């Protein structure tokens, strides 16, 4: 009797596990495409924010390369979108990572023209503390717009820090780590662009004609 009860309970537990796994799989399959589409739409919106329409007549998401460099925060591939007018280079939108945020990596997109003027910076993803570090989000604070219009030059590197460290950028009350990480990531990405601008514009297009926002796994590396 006990043996039969154990077998019965075991079968019931197995059935529940199978049904639960199936429901999870169905939920994932049903939402994965929607999440991917939302991520693409967010990236499209950000690309339009960091590179003004008047600086390109091409589709940014269809003209990109992929790079690996420690200057971009991690050794993972980062995508660089290229803006052109009549085929001539005008600006770049480069992904970068601030690896030293308070709660982990902060994914960024930085727009910069060929004269090294910053066109805009936006946050793609972060896990910073609500009410403190999340002020890097444009929806919460305009702090991220403080990069817009600044000219980048190696001779003026000291200004690319938060004010607490002697630079030009405000820190947040009670939260210096997050803005410090973002400013450092932007500075390092701009250093990379300045040293590699010609290479980035001349690299093969990895986004292709299918308007895929994700490049192939070919990358430029240091």
Protein backbone atom coordinates (compact mmCIF):
# COMPACT_ATOMS: atom_id res chain seq x y z
CA UNK A 1 0.00 0.00 0.00
CA UNK A 2 2.77 2.38 0.99
CA UNK A 3 4.68 1.48 -2.14
CA UNK A 4 1.66 2.18 -4.35
CA UNK A 5 1.12 5.55 -2.64
CA UNK A 6 4.74 6.52 -3.18
CA UNK A 7 4.56 5.55 -6.85
CA UNK A 8 1.31 7.47 -7.27
CA UNK A 9 2.74 10.57 -5.60
CA UNK A 10 5.89 10.29 -7.68
CA UNK A 11 3.90 10.12 -10.89
CA UNK A 12 1.82 13.12 -9.84
CA UNK A 13 4.94 15.14 -9.04
CA UNK A 14 6.47 14.18 -12.39
CA UNK A 15 3.29 15.22 -14.19
CA UNK A 16 3.25 18.58 -12.41
CA UNK A 17 6.92 19.11 -13.29
CA UNK A 18 6.30 18.31 -16.96
CA UNK A 19 3.27 20.60 -17.14
CA UNK A 20 5.15 23.38 -15.34
CA UNK A 21 8.12 23.11 -17.68
CA UNK A 22 5.82 23.15 -20.70
CA UNK A 23 4.02 26.27 -19.44
CA UNK A 24 7.33 28.05 -18.84
CA UNK A 25 8.53 27.13 -22.33
CA UNK A 26 5.29 28.33 -23.89
CA UNK A 27 5.44 31.60 -21.96
CA UNK A 28 9.03 32.19 -23.03
CA UNK A 29 8.32 31.40 -26.67
CA UNK A 30 5.31 33.66 -26.58
CA UNK A 31 7.18 36.63 -25.11
CA UNK A 32 10.72 36.24 -26.52
CA UNK A 33 9.87 37.78 -29.89
CA UNK A 34 7.98 40.61 -28.22
CA UNK A 35 10.89 41.36 -25.87
CA UNK A 36 13.36 41.29 -28.77
CA UNK A 37 11.15 43.68 -30.74
CA UNK A 38 10.87 46.03 -27.78
CA UNK A 39 14.66 46.00 -27.39
CA UNK A 40 15.08 46.83 -31.08
CA UNK A 41 12.56 49.66 -30.85
CA UNK A 42 14.35 51.07 -27.81
CA UNK A 43 17.67 50.95 -29.64
CA UNK A 44 16.15 52.60 -32.71
CA UNK A 45 14.80 55.39 -30.55
CA UNK A 46 18.15 55.88 -28.83
CA UNK A 47 20.06 55.94 -32.13
CA UNK A 48 17.78 58.75 -33.31
CA UNK A 49 18.42 60.63 -30.06
CA UNK A 50 22.23 60.42 -30.14
CA UNK A 51 22.66 61.11 -33.88
CA UNK A 52 20.37 63.85 -35.26
CA UNK A 53 18.56 63.18 -38.55
CA UNK A 54 20.34 66.07 -40.25
CA UNK A 55 23.65 64.25 -39.85
CA UNK A 56 22.71 61.21 -41.93
CA UNK A 57 20.76 60.16 -44.97
CA UNK A 58 21.40 56.45 -44.39
CA UNK A 59 19.65 54.08 -42.01
CA UNK A 60 21.91 53.85 -38.96
CA UNK A 61 20.69 50.41 -37.96
CA UNK A 62 21.61 49.04 -41.39
CA UNK A 63 25.23 50.31 -41.38
CA UNK A 64 27.37 49.00 -38.55
CA UNK A 65 30.47 47.17 -37.49
CA UNK A 66 31.34 45.27 -34.32
CA UNK A 67 34.44 45.85 -32.21
CA UNK A 68 36.19 44.37 -29.21
CA UNK A 69 38.30 46.71 -27.11
CA UNK A 70 39.06 47.15 -23.43
CA UNK A 71 38.37 50.86 -23.99
CA UNK A 72 34.70 49.97 -24.41
CA UNK A 73 34.49 48.53 -20.92
CA UNK A 74 34.48 44.77 -21.47
CA UNK A 75 35.99 42.30 -23.90
CA UNK A 76 32.55 41.54 -25.32
CA UNK A 77 31.72 42.78 -28.84
CA UNK A 78 30.19 46.25 -29.02
CA UNK A 79 28.30 47.55 -32.04
CA UNK A 80 29.19 50.79 -33.81
CA UNK A 81 26.55 52.39 -36.06
CA UNK A 82 27.77 54.70 -38.82
CA UNK A 83 26.10 57.90 -40.01
CA UNK A 84 26.79 59.17 -43.53
CA UNK A 85 25.56 61.82 -45.94
CA UNK A 86 25.95 60.96 -49.62
CA UNK A 87 28.27 58.17 -48.50
CA UNK A 88 30.58 60.52 -46.59
CA UNK A 89 31.16 59.83 -42.86
CA UNK A 90 29.50 62.26 -40.47
CA UNK A 91 29.07 60.56 -37.10
CA UNK A 92 29.15 57.35 -35.08
CA UNK A 93 26.87 55.85 -32.44
CA UNK A 94 29.02 53.50 -30.41
CA UNK A 95 27.95 51.08 -27.74
CA UNK A 96 30.05 50.97 -24.56
CA UNK A 97 29.86 49.43 -21.11
CA UNK A 98 30.59 51.00 -17.74
CA UNK A 99 31.73 47.86 -15.87
CA UNK A 100 32.04 49.59 -12.51
CA UNK A 101 28.52 50.79 -11.82
CA UNK A 102 27.27 50.51 -8.24
CA UNK A 103 25.09 47.50 -9.11
CA UNK A 104 26.91 46.13 -12.14
CA UNK A 105 27.38 46.90 -15.80
CA UNK A 106 25.80 49.98 -17.36
CA UNK A 107 25.20 49.71 -21.11
CA UNK A 108 25.54 52.98 -23.03
CA UNK A 109 25.26 54.41 -26.53
CA UNK A 110 27.40 57.44 -27.37
CA UNK A 111 26.90 59.63 -30.42
CA UNK A 112 29.90 61.59 -31.68
CA UNK A 113 30.57 63.43 -34.94
CA UNK A 114 33.76 63.28 -36.99
CA UNK A 115 35.07 66.42 -35.25
CA UNK A 116 34.76 64.64 -31.86
CA UNK A 117 31.79 66.69 -30.71
CA UNK A 118 29.50 64.61 -28.49
CA UNK A 119 26.01 64.48 -29.99
CA UNK A 120 24.41 62.64 -27.11
CA UNK A 121 24.72 59.81 -24.61
CA UNK A 122 21.95 57.45 -23.53
CA UNK A 123 21.66 54.45 -21.21
CA UNK A 124 20.55 51.18 -22.79
CA UNK A 125 20.43 49.09 -19.63
CA UNK A 126 21.41 49.31 -15.98
CA UNK A 127 20.64 47.94 -12.51
CA UNK A 128 21.47 51.02 -10.46
CA UNK A 129 19.63 51.87 -7.25
CA UNK A 130 16.21 53.50 -7.76
CA UNK A 131 16.16 57.04 -6.42
CA UNK A 132 19.96 57.31 -6.49
CA UNK A 133 21.94 55.84 -9.39
CA UNK A 134 18.96 55.66 -11.73
CA UNK A 135 19.32 59.39 -12.36
CA UNK A 136 21.40 58.36 -15.36
CA UNK A 137 18.08 57.63 -17.08
CA UNK A 138 16.72 60.52 -19.14
CA UNK A 139 13.20 59.71 -17.97
CA UNK A 140 14.25 60.45 -14.39
CA UNK A 141 16.87 63.20 -14.73
CA UNK A 142 18.47 65.33 -17.46
CA UNK A 143 21.96 64.58 -16.10
CA UNK A 144 22.84 62.39 -19.09
CA UNK A 145 22.33 65.39 -21.40
CA UNK A 146 25.33 67.14 -19.80
CA UNK A 147 27.54 65.31 -22.33
CA UNK A 148 25.73 66.78 -25.33
CA UNK A 149 27.71 69.43 -27.19
CA UNK A 150 31.01 68.81 -25.40
CA UNK A 151 34.12 68.60 -27.55
CA UNK A 152 36.46 65.73 -26.77
CA UNK A 153 40.19 66.33 -26.79
CA UNK A 154 43.08 64.39 -25.29
CA UNK A 155 44.55 67.68 -24.10
CA UNK A 156 41.46 68.22 -21.95
CA UNK A 157 41.11 64.77 -20.40
CA UNK A 158 41.05 66.05 -16.78
CA UNK A 159 37.61 67.62 -17.33
CA UNK A 160 36.14 64.20 -18.18
CA UNK A 161 35.53 63.33 -14.55
CA UNK A 162 32.90 64.14 -11.94
CA UNK A 163 33.43 67.38 -10.04
CA UNK A 164 34.41 65.49 -6.91
CA UNK A 165 37.43 64.21 -8.85
CA UNK A 166 38.26 67.59 -10.41
CA UNK A 167 36.21 67.33 -13.59
CA UNK A 168 33.16 69.08 -15.07
CA UNK A 169 30.37 66.59 -14.48
CA UNK A 170 28.00 66.67 -11.52
CA UNK A 171 27.77 63.71 -9.19
CA UNK A 172 24.52 62.69 -7.54
CA UNK A 173 23.75 63.43 -3.91
CA UNK A 174 24.56 60.24 -2.05
CA UNK A 175 25.64 58.43 -5.21
CA UNK A 176 28.99 59.23 -6.78
CA UNK A 177 29.90 55.75 -8.02
CA UNK A 178 27.28 55.63 -10.79
CA UNK A 179 28.02 58.99 -12.50
CA UNK A 180 31.76 58.40 -12.08
CA UNK A 181 31.41 55.07 -13.89
CA UNK A 182 29.38 56.59 -16.74
CA UNK A 183 31.72 59.55 -17.26
CA UNK A 184 34.73 57.23 -17.31
CA UNK A 185 33.06 54.88 -19.81
CA UNK A 186 32.14 57.77 -22.12
CA UNK A 187 35.67 59.17 -21.93
CA UNK A 188 37.26 55.81 -22.74
CA UNK A 189 34.87 55.19 -25.63
CA UNK A 190 35.69 58.61 -27.09
CA UNK A 191 39.41 57.85 -26.79
CA UNK A 192 38.77 54.68 -28.78
CA UNK A 193 36.81 56.56 -31.45
CA UNK A 194 39.49 59.23 -31.79
CA UNK A 195 42.19 56.60 -32.34
CA UNK A 196 40.13 54.38 -34.65
CA UNK A 197 37.66 56.62 -36.46
CA UNK A 198 38.90 55.91 -39.98
CA UNK A 199 39.03 52.16 -39.34
CA UNK A 200 35.49 52.16 -37.95
CA UNK A 201 34.06 53.94 -40.99
CA UNK A 202 35.89 51.77 -43.50
CA UNK A 203 35.18 48.38 -41.87
CA UNK A 204 32.78 46.05 -43.72
CA UNK A 205 29.10 46.49 -42.98
CA UNK A 206 27.96 43.74 -40.62
CA UNK A 207 24.31 44.73 -40.27
CA UNK A 208 23.45 43.94 -43.88
CA UNK A 209 20.42 44.77 -45.92
CA UNK A 210 17.93 42.91 -43.74
CA UNK A 211 17.83 45.82 -41.26
CA UNK A 212 18.99 43.54 -38.48
CA UNK A 213 20.07 45.56 -35.46
CA UNK A 214 22.43 42.80 -34.39
CA UNK A 215 25.65 42.40 -36.40
CA UNK A 216 27.20 39.12 -37.39
CA UNK A 217 29.88 37.67 -35.14
CA UNK A 218 32.72 39.18 -37.14
CA UNK A 219 34.43 41.84 -35.04
CA UNK A 220 37.31 44.28 -35.15
CA UNK A 221 39.63 43.70 -32.23
CA UNK A 222 42.72 45.30 -30.83
